[in-house]
Amino acid sequence: MPRPTLLFDLDGTLADTALDLCETMNVILEMHGRARVPQERVRHLVGGGARLLLERGFRETGAPADQAQLDRSFNEFIDYYSKHIADHTKLWPGVRDQLDWLAEREALLGVCTNKPEQLSRQLLEMLGIDRYFPVVIGGDTLPVKKPDPEHLFEAIRRLDGDAGHSVMVGDSDADVEAAKNARIPSICVSFGYTRVPVAELGADLVIDHFDAFPAALATLLPGHFGRA
């Protein structure tokens, strides 16, 4: 039997990155003469990548940015964020224990994120979990990104995995739709950064804490993880 393959989103799924993403957004907004987005409003803007975060930030604070301004502010965002990528970012509770548990069972692990690949690898290293993920497919790794299924298929190929023994783990519509398009099951965390209520995303299973992860995998891949 092929080894199980687990594909993880990064922002909002493995780690709580919102504070660093939003602080970077506010720094860039101030550089362009805009007000900061108040803390109580900021988290609902996260999700979909840096460019979309900036677009939402400009709309939140005045007139929408034009393409030239977005291009310039995106480059500024990447430059600042790379220097402050883990000032406040932390793994969600239980993540490291579950990665150890999966490694003990020789599961194949990859990251499928729309975050740029180099920033994703930098963050995984700073969080001390890069050793678990030999494959990282970022938003700029391929000509396509989630929800295109090729984003997931390429990770599975590089891991030498099998789509029929794979699960996508995420927190947003892009993750769930990518899994649906790839015809693989999905697990959605309820504590991430979705602008659509988690119950409406259509994931196969939703978990409220990573302690519930083994039981979810037992339900979706009983041949590998037993039955829940």
Protein backbone atom coordinates (compact mmCIF):
# COMPACT_ATOMS: atom_id res chain seq x y z
CA MET A 1 0.00 0.00 0.00
CA PRO A 2 1.35 3.51 -0.81
CA ARG A 3 2.37 5.66 2.14
CA PRO A 4 -0.21 8.27 3.20
CA THR A 5 0.38 11.79 1.91
CA LEU A 6 -0.62 14.82 3.97
CA LEU A 7 -0.63 18.24 2.32
CA PHE A 8 -0.81 21.26 4.63
CA ASP A 9 -1.63 24.88 4.02
CA LEU A 10 0.63 27.22 6.03
CA ASP A 11 -0.96 30.54 7.06
CA GLY A 12 -3.84 29.91 9.44
CA THR A 13 -3.43 26.13 9.28
CA LEU A 14 -0.01 25.25 10.66
CA ALA A 15 0.73 28.66 12.15
CA ASP A 16 -0.98 31.79 13.40
CA THR A 17 0.68 34.33 11.12
CA ALA A 18 -1.96 37.07 11.22
CA LEU A 19 -0.16 39.52 13.50
CA ASP A 20 2.98 39.66 11.36
CA LEU A 21 1.04 39.79 8.09
CA CYS A 22 -1.21 42.57 9.34
CA GLU A 23 1.58 44.60 10.92
CA THR A 24 3.40 44.45 7.59
CA MET A 25 0.24 45.57 5.79
CA ASN A 26 -0.15 48.51 8.17
CA VAL A 27 3.49 49.55 7.72
CA ILE A 28 3.00 49.59 3.94
CA LEU A 29 -0.28 51.48 4.20
CA GLU A 30 1.44 54.15 6.29
CA MET A 31 4.21 54.38 3.69
CA HIS A 32 1.49 55.25 1.17
CA GLY A 33 -0.13 57.86 3.37
CA ARG A 34 -2.96 55.68 4.63
CA ALA A 35 -4.17 55.12 8.19
CA ARG A 36 -3.49 51.85 9.97
CA VAL A 37 -6.32 49.32 10.05
CA PRO A 38 -7.47 48.96 13.68
CA GLN A 39 -6.62 45.67 15.39
CA GLU A 40 -10.26 44.67 15.75
CA ARG A 41 -10.74 44.97 11.97
CA VAL A 42 -7.49 43.50 10.79
CA ARG A 43 -7.91 39.71 10.97
CA HIS A 44 -10.87 39.59 8.62
CA LEU A 45 -8.59 40.90 5.86
CA VAL A 46 -6.17 37.94 5.98
CA GLY A 47 -6.46 35.11 3.47
CA GLY A 48 -5.63 34.77 -0.21
CA GLY A 49 -2.08 36.07 -0.21
CA ALA A 50 -0.17 39.32 0.29
CA ARG A 51 -1.44 41.09 -2.81
CA LEU A 52 -5.06 40.49 -1.88
CA LEU A 53 -4.33 41.52 1.72
CA LEU A 54 -2.93 44.82 0.47
CA GLU A 55 -5.84 45.34 -1.90
CA ARG A 56 -8.26 44.87 0.99
CA GLY A 57 -6.17 47.16 3.20
CA PHE A 58 -6.27 50.00 0.68
CA ARG A 59 -10.03 49.59 0.28
CA GLU A 60 -10.43 49.60 4.05
CA THR A 61 -8.61 52.92 4.38
CA GLY A 62 -9.80 54.90 1.35
CA ALA A 63 -9.74 54.69 -2.43
CA PRO A 64 -8.75 51.35 -3.97
CA ALA A 65 -5.15 51.08 -5.12
CA ASP A 66 -4.47 51.00 -8.85
CA GLN A 67 -2.32 48.26 -10.39
CA ALA A 68 0.88 50.30 -10.32
CA GLN A 69 0.41 51.10 -6.64
CA LEU A 70 -0.39 47.47 -5.86
CA ASP A 71 2.70 46.29 -7.72
CA ARG A 72 4.91 48.75 -5.82
CA SER A 73 3.32 48.05 -2.44
CA PHE A 74 3.54 44.27 -3.00
CA ASN A 75 7.31 44.50 -3.48
CA GLU A 76 7.55 46.68 -0.37
CA PHE A 77 5.44 44.17 1.54
CA ILE A 78 7.68 41.24 0.62
CA ASP A 79 10.82 43.18 1.56
CA TYR A 80 9.51 44.22 4.99
CA TYR A 81 7.76 40.93 5.77
CA SER A 82 10.88 38.86 5.04
CA LYS A 83 12.64 40.79 7.81
CA HIS A 84 9.77 40.42 10.31
CA ILE A 85 8.27 37.09 9.25
CA ALA A 86 8.21 35.52 12.71
CA ASP A 87 8.17 38.44 15.14
CA HIS A 88 4.84 37.25 16.52
CA THR A 89 4.01 34.11 14.49
CA LYS A 90 3.56 30.86 16.39
CA LEU A 91 2.52 27.31 15.59
CA TRP A 92 -1.04 26.50 16.53
CA PRO A 93 -1.30 24.34 19.68
CA GLY A 94 -0.73 20.66 18.97
CA VAL A 95 0.89 21.09 15.55
CA ARG A 96 4.37 19.91 16.49
CA ASP A 97 3.04 16.85 18.34
CA GLN A 98 0.99 15.85 15.31
CA LEU A 99 3.94 16.30 12.94
CA ASP A 100 6.00 14.02 15.20
CA TRP A 101 3.13 11.51 15.23
CA LEU A 102 2.91 11.56 11.43
CA ALA A 103 6.69 11.23 11.04
CA GLU A 104 6.67 8.17 13.29
CA ARG A 105 4.12 6.63 10.92
CA GLU A 106 6.29 7.48 7.89
CA ALA A 107 3.62 9.70 6.33
CA LEU A 108 4.72 11.84 3.39
CA LEU A 109 4.32 15.52 4.31
CA GLY A 110 4.23 18.56 2.06
CA VAL A 111 3.18 22.19 2.24
CA CYS A 112 0.81 23.61 -0.37
CA THR A 113 0.47 27.34 0.16
CA ASN A 114 -0.23 30.42 -1.94
CA LYS A 115 2.49 32.22 0.06
CA PRO A 116 5.67 32.70 -2.03
CA GLU A 117 7.86 29.62 -1.80
CA GLN A 118 10.98 31.33 -0.43
CA LEU A 119 9.01 33.07 2.33
CA SER A 120 7.28 29.78 3.15
CA ARG A 121 10.59 27.94 3.48
CA GLN A 122 12.00 30.79 5.58
CA LEU A 123 9.03 30.67 7.94
CA LEU A 124 9.05 26.88 8.26
CA GLU A 125 12.74 27.04 9.18
CA MET A 126 12.22 29.80 11.74
CA LEU A 127 9.37 27.84 13.31
CA GLY A 128 11.63 24.78 13.48
CA ILE A 129 9.42 22.50 11.39
CA ASP A 130 11.15 22.60 8.00
CA ARG A 131 12.60 19.10 8.53
CA TYR A 132 9.11 17.60 8.34
CA PHE A 133 8.42 19.02 4.88
CA PRO A 134 10.78 17.93 2.09
CA VAL A 135 8.36 19.44 -0.45
CA VAL A 136 7.02 22.99 -0.38
CA ILE A 137 4.84 24.25 -3.23
CA GLY A 138 4.35 28.00 -2.94
CA GLY A 139 2.16 30.44 -4.78
CA ASP A 140 4.98 31.21 -7.22
CA THR A 141 6.42 27.68 -7.58
CA LEU A 142 4.16 26.82 -10.53
CA PRO A 143 2.24 28.86 -13.10
CA VAL A 144 -0.90 27.97 -11.09
CA LYS A 145 -1.85 28.15 -7.41
CA LYS A 146 -4.70 26.86 -5.25
CA PRO A 147 -7.53 26.15 -5.96
CA ASP A 148 -5.99 24.69 -9.13
CA PRO A 149 -5.54 20.94 -8.44
CA GLU A 150 -2.16 20.90 -10.17
CA HIS A 151 -0.78 22.72 -7.13
CA LEU A 152 -1.62 19.63 -5.05
CA PHE A 153 -0.77 17.07 -7.73
CA GLU A 154 2.75 18.48 -8.12
CA ALA A 155 3.36 18.17 -4.38
CA ILE A 156 2.15 14.57 -4.45
CA ARG A 157 4.43 13.80 -7.41
CA ARG A 158 7.47 15.33 -5.72
CA LEU A 159 6.74 13.35 -2.57
CA ASP A 160 6.37 10.17 -4.64
CA GLY A 161 2.91 9.84 -3.11
CA ASP A 162 -0.46 8.70 -4.40
CA ALA A 163 -3.49 10.97 -4.78
CA GLY A 164 -5.71 8.07 -3.76
CA HIS A 165 -4.01 8.01 -0.35
CA SER A 166 -3.78 11.77 0.24
CA VAL A 167 -5.53 14.38 2.38
CA MET A 168 -5.42 18.17 2.15
CA VAL A 169 -5.41 20.11 5.44
CA GLY A 170 -6.33 23.79 5.28
CA ASP A 171 -8.42 26.65 6.58
CA SER A 172 -9.94 28.38 3.56
CA ASP A 173 -12.06 28.01 0.45
CA ALA A 174 -8.91 27.82 -1.70
CA ASP A 175 -7.75 24.75 0.24
CA VAL A 176 -11.10 22.99 0.18
CA GLU A 177 -11.73 23.78 -3.48
CA ALA A 178 -8.25 22.61 -4.44
CA ALA A 179 -8.93 19.31 -2.69
CA LYS A 180 -12.30 18.96 -4.41
CA ASN A 181 -10.74 19.73 -7.79
CA ALA A 182 -8.07 17.10 -7.11
CA ARG A 183 -10.73 14.67 -5.84
CA ILE A 184 -8.97 14.11 -2.56
CA PRO A 185 -10.54 14.51 0.91
CA SER A 186 -9.95 17.58 3.04
CA ILE A 187 -9.75 18.51 6.70
CA CYS A 188 -10.44 22.13 7.62
CA VAL A 189 -9.36 23.78 10.88
CA SER A 190 -11.99 26.03 12.44
CA PHE A 191 -9.51 28.57 13.84
CA GLY A 192 -7.87 29.80 10.64
CA TYR A 193 -8.39 32.72 8.27
CA THR A 194 -11.47 32.10 6.20
CA ARG A 195 -13.83 34.88 5.12
CA VAL A 196 -16.51 32.22 4.54
CA PRO A 197 -17.89 30.40 7.61
CA VAL A 198 -16.03 27.12 8.00
CA ALA A 199 -19.27 25.12 8.00
CA GLU A 200 -20.02 26.45 4.52
CA LEU A 201 -16.68 25.53 2.93
CA GLY A 202 -17.64 21.92 2.26
CA ALA A 203 -14.61 20.20 3.79
CA ASP A 204 -14.99 16.51 4.53
CA LEU A 205 -14.19 17.13 8.20
CA VAL A 206 -13.66 20.16 10.45
CA ILE A 207 -11.49 20.07 13.58
CA ASP A 208 -11.38 22.63 16.39
CA HIS A 209 -7.94 21.59 17.70
CA PHE A 210 -5.08 19.49 16.36
CA ASP A 211 -5.73 17.01 19.16
CA ALA A 212 -8.64 15.86 16.98
CA PHE A 213 -6.39 15.28 13.97
CA PRO A 214 -5.67 11.55 14.44
CA ALA A 215 -9.38 10.73 14.68
CA ALA A 216 -10.06 12.76 11.53
CA LEU A 217 -7.35 10.90 9.63
CA ALA A 218 -8.69 7.58 10.90
CA THR A 219 -12.04 8.50 9.36
CA LEU A 220 -10.62 9.59 5.99
CA LEU A 221 -7.72 7.12 5.64
CA PRO A 222 -8.74 4.13 7.80
CA GLY A 223 -6.36 1.84 5.93
CA HIS A 224 -3.43 3.86 7.24
CA PHE A 225 -4.60 5.25 10.56
CA GLY A 226 -7.20 2.75 11.77
CA ARG A 227 -10.86 3.60 12.23
CA ALA A 228 -12.17 6.44 14.36
